[in-house]
């Protein structure tokens, strides 16, 4: 009986605040991803310092309006994900699902606008081998593009599970896990956009 009491008292409650939201394992993946992007951003900055005029020249060929619109879409998607978590904590599953699909809509908008931007560049004959600036631009943004797709797949899987009754106010760690990954994708773009499109 004493052992049972000890187990009951030491078992963590779903309501207890955790150091990191979601499954702890996802954070190893997130930190690894941030490290990779950090190294890539540092490499871009170093090479840019050595080729300032060229980088400034070709930076002006990028569509800042589409880049800004995509920034707004990802920030909005992150807000919708936060709303989804708030809803599930109130046991409002229907609203949670609605917010998750709204975030997916923003993600799809990002992919569409970025695809239009790529189409514009590829139709001009621009490739990874065009010059150093475009090599970095295409590599960084395409790598991030793939992460947006993965983030959407994760959120979609979470939304489907929510529709099947897989989450509640007492058990929603999966939603927090998906949200954590999505926020990482958003954070990377918030750094990437000014770094590649704006800073001169």
C-alpha atoms as a PDB file:
ATOM      1  CA  UNK A   1       0.000   0.000   0.000  1.00  0.00           C
ATOM      2  CA  UNK A   2       2.849   2.379   0.822  1.00  0.00           C
ATOM      3  CA  UNK A   3       4.393   1.692  -2.587  1.00  0.00           C
ATOM      4  CA  UNK A   4       1.083   2.503  -4.255  1.00  0.00           C
ATOM      5  CA  UNK A   5       0.860   5.782  -2.356  1.00  0.00           C
ATOM      6  CA  UNK A   6       4.416   6.687  -3.354  1.00  0.00           C
ATOM      7  CA  UNK A   7       3.704   5.899  -7.019  1.00  0.00           C
ATOM      8  CA  UNK A   8       0.515   7.937  -6.949  1.00  0.00           C
ATOM      9  CA  UNK A   9       2.241  10.928  -5.393  1.00  0.00           C
ATOM     10  CA  UNK A  10       5.260  10.871  -7.690  1.00  0.00           C
ATOM     11  CA  UNK A  11       3.375  10.282 -10.934  1.00  0.00           C
ATOM     12  CA  UNK A  12       3.257  13.488 -12.981  1.00  0.00           C
ATOM     13  CA  UNK A  13      -0.137  14.932 -13.687  1.00  0.00           C
ATOM     14  CA  UNK A  14      -1.070  16.108 -17.218  1.00  0.00           C
ATOM     15  CA  UNK A  15      -1.928  19.460 -15.638  1.00  0.00           C
ATOM     16  CA  UNK A  16       1.566  19.967 -14.221  1.00  0.00           C
ATOM     17  CA  UNK A  17       3.626  22.467 -16.230  1.00  0.00           C
ATOM     18  CA  UNK A  18       6.469  20.890 -18.214  1.00  0.00           C
ATOM     19  CA  UNK A  19       9.785  22.473 -19.082  1.00  0.00           C
ATOM     20  CA  UNK A  20       9.094  21.964 -22.787  1.00  0.00           C
ATOM     21  CA  UNK A  21       5.688  21.446 -24.443  1.00  0.00           C
ATOM     22  CA  UNK A  22       4.966  18.239 -26.297  1.00  0.00           C
ATOM     23  CA  UNK A  23       6.955  15.045 -26.427  1.00  0.00           C
ATOM     24  CA  UNK A  24      10.486  15.569 -25.123  1.00  0.00           C
ATOM     25  CA  UNK A  25      11.915  13.531 -28.026  1.00  0.00           C
ATOM     26  CA  UNK A  26      10.748  16.094 -30.598  1.00  0.00           C
ATOM     27  CA  UNK A  27      13.023  18.664 -28.990  1.00  0.00           C
ATOM     28  CA  UNK A  28      16.144  16.671 -29.844  1.00  0.00           C
ATOM     29  CA  UNK A  29      14.978  16.768 -33.460  1.00  0.00           C
ATOM     30  CA  UNK A  30      14.126  20.485 -33.253  1.00  0.00           C
ATOM     31  CA  UNK A  31      17.493  21.398 -31.729  1.00  0.00           C
ATOM     32  CA  UNK A  32      19.290  19.337 -34.391  1.00  0.00           C
ATOM     33  CA  UNK A  33      17.330  21.107 -37.130  1.00  0.00           C
ATOM     34  CA  UNK A  34      18.066  24.522 -35.634  1.00  0.00           C
ATOM     35  CA  UNK A  35      21.751  23.635 -35.507  1.00  0.00           C
ATOM     36  CA  UNK A  36      21.738  22.733 -39.210  1.00  0.00           C
ATOM     37  CA  UNK A  37      19.928  25.938 -40.152  1.00  0.00           C
ATOM     38  CA  UNK A  38      22.224  27.941 -37.861  1.00  0.00           C
ATOM     39  CA  UNK A  39      25.309  26.607 -39.617  1.00  0.00           C
ATOM     40  CA  UNK A  40      23.727  27.352 -43.007  1.00  0.00           C
ATOM     41  CA  UNK A  41      22.844  30.918 -41.966  1.00  0.00           C
ATOM     42  CA  UNK A  42      26.347  31.481 -40.608  1.00  0.00           C
ATOM     43  CA  UNK A  43      27.846  30.205 -43.866  1.00  0.00           C
ATOM     44  CA  UNK A  44      25.598  32.566 -45.824  1.00  0.00           C
ATOM     45  CA  UNK A  45      26.679  35.517 -43.663  1.00  0.00           C
ATOM     46  CA  UNK A  46      30.381  34.707 -44.034  1.00  0.00           C
ATOM     47  CA  UNK A  47      30.204  34.293 -47.814  1.00  0.00           C
ATOM     48  CA  UNK A  48      28.068  37.406 -48.122  1.00  0.00           C
ATOM     49  CA  UNK A  49      30.704  39.528 -46.395  1.00  0.00           C
ATOM     50  CA  UNK A  50      33.156  38.365 -49.051  1.00  0.00           C
ATOM     51  CA  UNK A  51      30.748  39.133 -51.929  1.00  0.00           C
ATOM     52  CA  UNK A  52      28.732  42.117 -50.698  1.00  0.00           C
ATOM     53  CA  UNK A  53      28.212  43.832 -54.062  1.00  0.00           C
ATOM     54  CA  UNK A  54      27.082  40.669 -55.843  1.00  0.00           C
ATOM     55  CA  UNK A  55      24.751  39.659 -53.010  1.00  0.00           C
ATOM     56  CA  UNK A  56      23.231  43.157 -52.875  1.00  0.00           C
ATOM     57  CA  UNK A  57      22.725  43.167 -56.640  1.00  0.00           C
ATOM     58  CA  UNK A  58      20.922  39.831 -56.861  1.00  0.00           C
ATOM     59  CA  UNK A  59      19.051  40.317 -53.624  1.00  0.00           C
ATOM     60  CA  UNK A  60      17.121  43.068 -55.400  1.00  0.00           C
ATOM     61  CA  UNK A  61      15.811  40.496 -57.890  1.00  0.00           C
ATOM     62  CA  UNK A  62      13.884  38.691 -55.145  1.00  0.00           C
ATOM     63  CA  UNK A  63      10.191  39.367 -54.641  1.00  0.00           C
ATOM     64  CA  UNK A  64      10.068  40.972 -51.198  1.00  0.00           C
ATOM     65  CA  UNK A  65       6.300  41.372 -51.366  1.00  0.00           C
ATOM     66  CA  UNK A  66       5.797  37.621 -51.728  1.00  0.00           C
ATOM     67  CA  UNK A  67       8.390  37.023 -49.036  1.00  0.00           C
ATOM     68  CA  UNK A  68       6.582  39.382 -46.667  1.00  0.00           C
ATOM     69  CA  UNK A  69       3.236  37.767 -47.483  1.00  0.00           C
ATOM     70  CA  UNK A  70       4.713  34.358 -46.699  1.00  0.00           C
ATOM     71  CA  UNK A  71       6.057  35.676 -43.405  1.00  0.00           C
ATOM     72  CA  UNK A  72       2.562  36.854 -42.508  1.00  0.00           C
ATOM     73  CA  UNK A  73       1.086  33.479 -43.509  1.00  0.00           C
ATOM     74  CA  UNK A  74       3.489  31.513 -41.297  1.00  0.00           C
ATOM     75  CA  UNK A  75       3.043  33.826 -38.312  1.00  0.00           C
ATOM     76  CA  UNK A  76      -0.729  33.548 -38.729  1.00  0.00           C
ATOM     77  CA  UNK A  77      -0.444  29.762 -38.961  1.00  0.00           C
ATOM     78  CA  UNK A  78       1.497  29.726 -35.690  1.00  0.00           C
ATOM     79  CA  UNK A  79      -1.204  31.861 -34.075  1.00  0.00           C
ATOM     80  CA  UNK A  80      -3.859  29.391 -35.251  1.00  0.00           C
ATOM     81  CA  UNK A  81      -1.832  26.512 -33.781  1.00  0.00           C
ATOM     82  CA  UNK A  82      -1.706  28.346 -30.449  1.00  0.00           C
ATOM     83  CA  UNK A  83      -5.481  28.757 -30.636  1.00  0.00           C
ATOM     84  CA  UNK A  84      -5.826  25.020 -31.302  1.00  0.00           C
ATOM     85  CA  UNK A  85      -3.864  24.200 -28.143  1.00  0.00           C
ATOM     86  CA  UNK A  86      -5.919  26.673 -26.135  1.00  0.00           C
ATOM     87  CA  UNK A  87      -9.109  25.056 -27.445  1.00  0.00           C
ATOM     88  CA  UNK A  88      -8.077  21.495 -26.602  1.00  0.00           C
ATOM     89  CA  UNK A  89      -7.068  22.564 -23.098  1.00  0.00           C
ATOM     90  CA  UNK A  90     -10.672  23.695 -22.707  1.00  0.00           C
ATOM     91  CA  UNK A  91     -11.790  20.315 -24.110  1.00  0.00           C
ATOM     92  CA  UNK A  92     -13.211  22.097 -27.156  1.00  0.00           C
ATOM     93  CA  UNK A  93     -12.191  19.498 -29.737  1.00  0.00           C
ATOM     94  CA  UNK A  94     -14.237  20.984 -32.593  1.00  0.00           C
ATOM     95  CA  UNK A  95     -12.569  24.380 -32.262  1.00  0.00           C
ATOM     96  CA  UNK A  96      -9.181  22.708 -31.961  1.00  0.00           C
ATOM     97  CA  UNK A  97      -9.739  20.894 -35.259  1.00  0.00           C
ATOM     98  CA  UNK A  98     -10.953  24.112 -36.892  1.00  0.00           C
ATOM     99  CA  UNK A  99      -7.822  26.004 -35.851  1.00  0.00           C
ATOM    100  CA  UNK A 100      -5.553  23.178 -37.006  1.00  0.00           C
ATOM    101  CA  UNK A 101      -7.113  23.197 -40.461  1.00  0.00           C
ATOM    102  CA  UNK A 102      -6.872  26.989 -40.557  1.00  0.00           C
ATOM    103  CA  UNK A 103      -3.142  26.718 -39.894  1.00  0.00           C
ATOM    104  CA  UNK A 104      -2.877  24.120 -42.661  1.00  0.00           C
ATOM    105  CA  UNK A 105      -4.595  26.571 -44.995  1.00  0.00           C
ATOM    106  CA  UNK A 106      -1.939  29.172 -44.205  1.00  0.00           C
ATOM    107  CA  UNK A 107       0.770  26.594 -44.790  1.00  0.00           C
ATOM    108  CA  UNK A 108      -0.732  25.737 -48.174  1.00  0.00           C
ATOM    109  CA  UNK A 109      -0.797  29.448 -49.011  1.00  0.00           C
ATOM    110  CA  UNK A 110       2.905  29.665 -48.169  1.00  0.00           C
ATOM    111  CA  UNK A 111       3.719  26.730 -50.452  1.00  0.00           C
ATOM    112  CA  UNK A 112       1.677  28.246 -53.279  1.00  0.00           C
ATOM    113  CA  UNK A 113       3.342  31.666 -53.087  1.00  0.00           C
ATOM    114  CA  UNK A 114       6.811  30.145 -52.756  1.00  0.00           C
ATOM    115  CA  UNK A 115       6.128  27.888 -55.751  1.00  0.00           C
ATOM    116  CA  UNK A 116       5.144  30.955 -57.794  1.00  0.00           C
ATOM    117  CA  UNK A 117       8.392  32.598 -56.756  1.00  0.00           C
ATOM    118  CA  UNK A 118      10.376  29.515 -57.780  1.00  0.00           C
ATOM    119  CA  UNK A 119       8.533  29.332 -61.103  1.00  0.00           C
ATOM    120  CA  UNK A 120       9.468  32.935 -61.807  1.00  0.00           C
ATOM    121  CA  UNK A 121      13.153  32.262 -61.110  1.00  0.00           C
ATOM    122  CA  UNK A 122      13.325  28.924 -62.947  1.00  0.00           C
ATOM    123  CA  UNK A 123      11.592  30.417 -66.000  1.00  0.00           C
ATOM    124  CA  UNK A 124      14.449  32.934 -66.138  1.00  0.00           C
ATOM    125  CA  UNK A 125      16.916  30.054 -66.272  1.00  0.00           C
ATOM    126  CA  UNK A 126      18.143  30.544 -62.712  1.00  0.00           C
ATOM    127  CA  UNK A 127      19.543  27.436 -61.020  1.00  0.00           C
ATOM    128  CA  UNK A 128      21.798  26.520 -58.107  1.00  0.00           C
ATOM    129  CA  UNK A 129      24.804  27.007 -60.380  1.00  0.00           C
ATOM    130  CA  UNK A 130      23.846  30.498 -61.607  1.00  0.00           C
ATOM    131  CA  UNK A 131      25.940  32.218 -58.931  1.00  0.00           C
ATOM    132  CA  UNK A 132      26.777  32.017 -55.247  1.00  0.00           C
ATOM    133  CA  UNK A 133      23.836  34.145 -54.139  1.00  0.00           C
ATOM    134  CA  UNK A 134      21.260  32.018 -55.942  1.00  0.00           C
ATOM    135  CA  UNK A 135      22.954  28.875 -54.702  1.00  0.00           C
ATOM    136  CA  UNK A 136      22.340  30.023 -51.132  1.00  0.00           C
ATOM    137  CA  UNK A 137      18.887  31.430 -51.867  1.00  0.00           C
ATOM    138  CA  UNK A 138      17.606  28.257 -53.509  1.00  0.00           C
ATOM    139  CA  UNK A 139      19.299  25.899 -51.054  1.00  0.00           C
ATOM    140  CA  UNK A 140      18.088  27.688 -47.917  1.00  0.00           C
ATOM    141  CA  UNK A 141      14.547  28.371 -49.082  1.00  0.00           C
ATOM    142  CA  UNK A 142      14.038  24.910 -50.599  1.00  0.00           C
ATOM    143  CA  UNK A 143      15.319  23.254 -47.441  1.00  0.00           C
ATOM    144  CA  UNK A 144      12.842  25.340 -45.476  1.00  0.00           C
ATOM    145  CA  UNK A 145      10.118  24.572 -48.061  1.00  0.00           C
ATOM    146  CA  UNK A 146      10.546  20.864 -47.310  1.00  0.00           C
ATOM    147  CA  UNK A 147      10.246  21.579 -43.591  1.00  0.00           C
ATOM    148  CA  UNK A 148       6.964  23.414 -44.174  1.00  0.00           C
ATOM    149  CA  UNK A 149       5.671  20.326 -46.000  1.00  0.00           C
ATOM    150  CA  UNK A 150       6.769  18.081 -43.123  1.00  0.00           C
ATOM    151  CA  UNK A 151       5.201  20.453 -40.600  1.00  0.00           C
ATOM    152  CA  UNK A 152       1.924  20.342 -42.518  1.00  0.00           C
ATOM    153  CA  UNK A 153       1.998  16.539 -42.644  1.00  0.00           C
ATOM    154  CA  UNK A 154       2.447  16.476 -38.865  1.00  0.00           C
ATOM    155  CA  UNK A 155      -0.381  18.965 -38.265  1.00  0.00           C
ATOM    156  CA  UNK A 156      -2.644  17.071 -40.659  1.00  0.00           C
ATOM    157  CA  UNK A 157      -1.970  13.809 -38.821  1.00  0.00           C
ATOM    158  CA  UNK A 158      -2.738  15.565 -35.530  1.00  0.00           C
ATOM    159  CA  UNK A 159      -5.980  16.992 -36.955  1.00  0.00           C
ATOM    160  CA  UNK A 160      -7.083  13.551 -38.172  1.00  0.00           C
ATOM    161  CA  UNK A 161      -6.377  12.022 -34.774  1.00  0.00           C
ATOM    162  CA  UNK A 162      -8.303  14.848 -33.112  1.00  0.00           C
ATOM    163  CA  UNK A 163     -11.274  14.143 -35.395  1.00  0.00           C
ATOM    164  CA  UNK A 164     -11.175  10.536 -34.251  1.00  0.00           C
ATOM    165  CA  UNK A 165     -11.340  11.570 -30.610  1.00  0.00           C
ATOM    166  CA  UNK A 166      -7.674  10.998 -29.882  1.00  0.00           C
ATOM    167  CA  UNK A 167      -7.170  14.163 -27.831  1.00  0.00           C
ATOM    168  CA  UNK A 168      -8.795  15.780 -24.834  1.00  0.00           C
ATOM    169  CA  UNK A 169      -8.077  18.387 -22.181  1.00  0.00           C
ATOM    170  CA  UNK A 170      -6.320  15.674 -20.164  1.00  0.00           C
ATOM    171  CA  UNK A 171      -4.355  14.166 -23.039  1.00  0.00           C
ATOM    172  CA  UNK A 172      -3.156  16.413 -25.844  1.00  0.00           C
ATOM    173  CA  UNK A 173       0.625  16.028 -25.830  1.00  0.00           C
ATOM    174  CA  UNK A 174       0.505  15.091 -29.534  1.00  0.00           C
ATOM    175  CA  UNK A 175      -0.959  18.482 -30.447  1.00  0.00           C
ATOM    176  CA  UNK A 176       1.710  20.260 -28.424  1.00  0.00           C
ATOM    177  CA  UNK A 177       4.372  18.155 -30.144  1.00  0.00           C
ATOM    178  CA  UNK A 178       3.112  19.101 -33.604  1.00  0.00           C
ATOM    179  CA  UNK A 179       2.800  22.736 -32.548  1.00  0.00           C
ATOM    180  CA  UNK A 180       6.382  22.799 -31.270  1.00  0.00           C
ATOM    181  CA  UNK A 181       7.688  21.589 -34.612  1.00  0.00           C
ATOM    182  CA  UNK A 182       5.543  24.094 -36.511  1.00  0.00           C
ATOM    183  CA  UNK A 183       6.810  26.976 -34.373  1.00  0.00           C
ATOM    184  CA  UNK A 184      10.365  25.916 -35.239  1.00  0.00           C
ATOM    185  CA  UNK A 185       9.516  26.083 -38.951  1.00  0.00           C
ATOM    186  CA  UNK A 186       8.031  29.543 -38.411  1.00  0.00           C
ATOM    187  CA  UNK A 187      11.059  30.742 -36.417  1.00  0.00           C
ATOM    188  CA  UNK A 188      13.482  29.632 -39.123  1.00  0.00           C
ATOM    189  CA  UNK A 189      11.586  31.609 -41.775  1.00  0.00           C
ATOM    190  CA  UNK A 190      11.450  34.708 -39.547  1.00  0.00           C
ATOM    191  CA  UNK A 191      15.264  34.598 -39.523  1.00  0.00           C
ATOM    192  CA  UNK A 192      15.663  33.502 -43.156  1.00  0.00           C
ATOM    193  CA  UNK A 193      13.424  36.175 -44.686  1.00  0.00           C
ATOM    194  CA  UNK A 194      15.258  39.287 -43.470  1.00  0.00           C
ATOM    195  CA  UNK A 195      18.648  37.593 -43.796  1.00  0.00           C
ATOM    196  CA  UNK A 196      18.231  36.688 -47.479  1.00  0.00           C
ATOM    197  CA  UNK A 197      15.629  39.193 -48.715  1.00  0.00           C
ATOM    198  CA  UNK A 198      16.270  42.409 -46.793  1.00  0.00           C
ATOM    199  CA  UNK A 199      19.560  42.822 -44.894  1.00  0.00           C
ATOM    200  CA  UNK A 200      22.113  44.598 -47.066  1.00  0.00           C
END
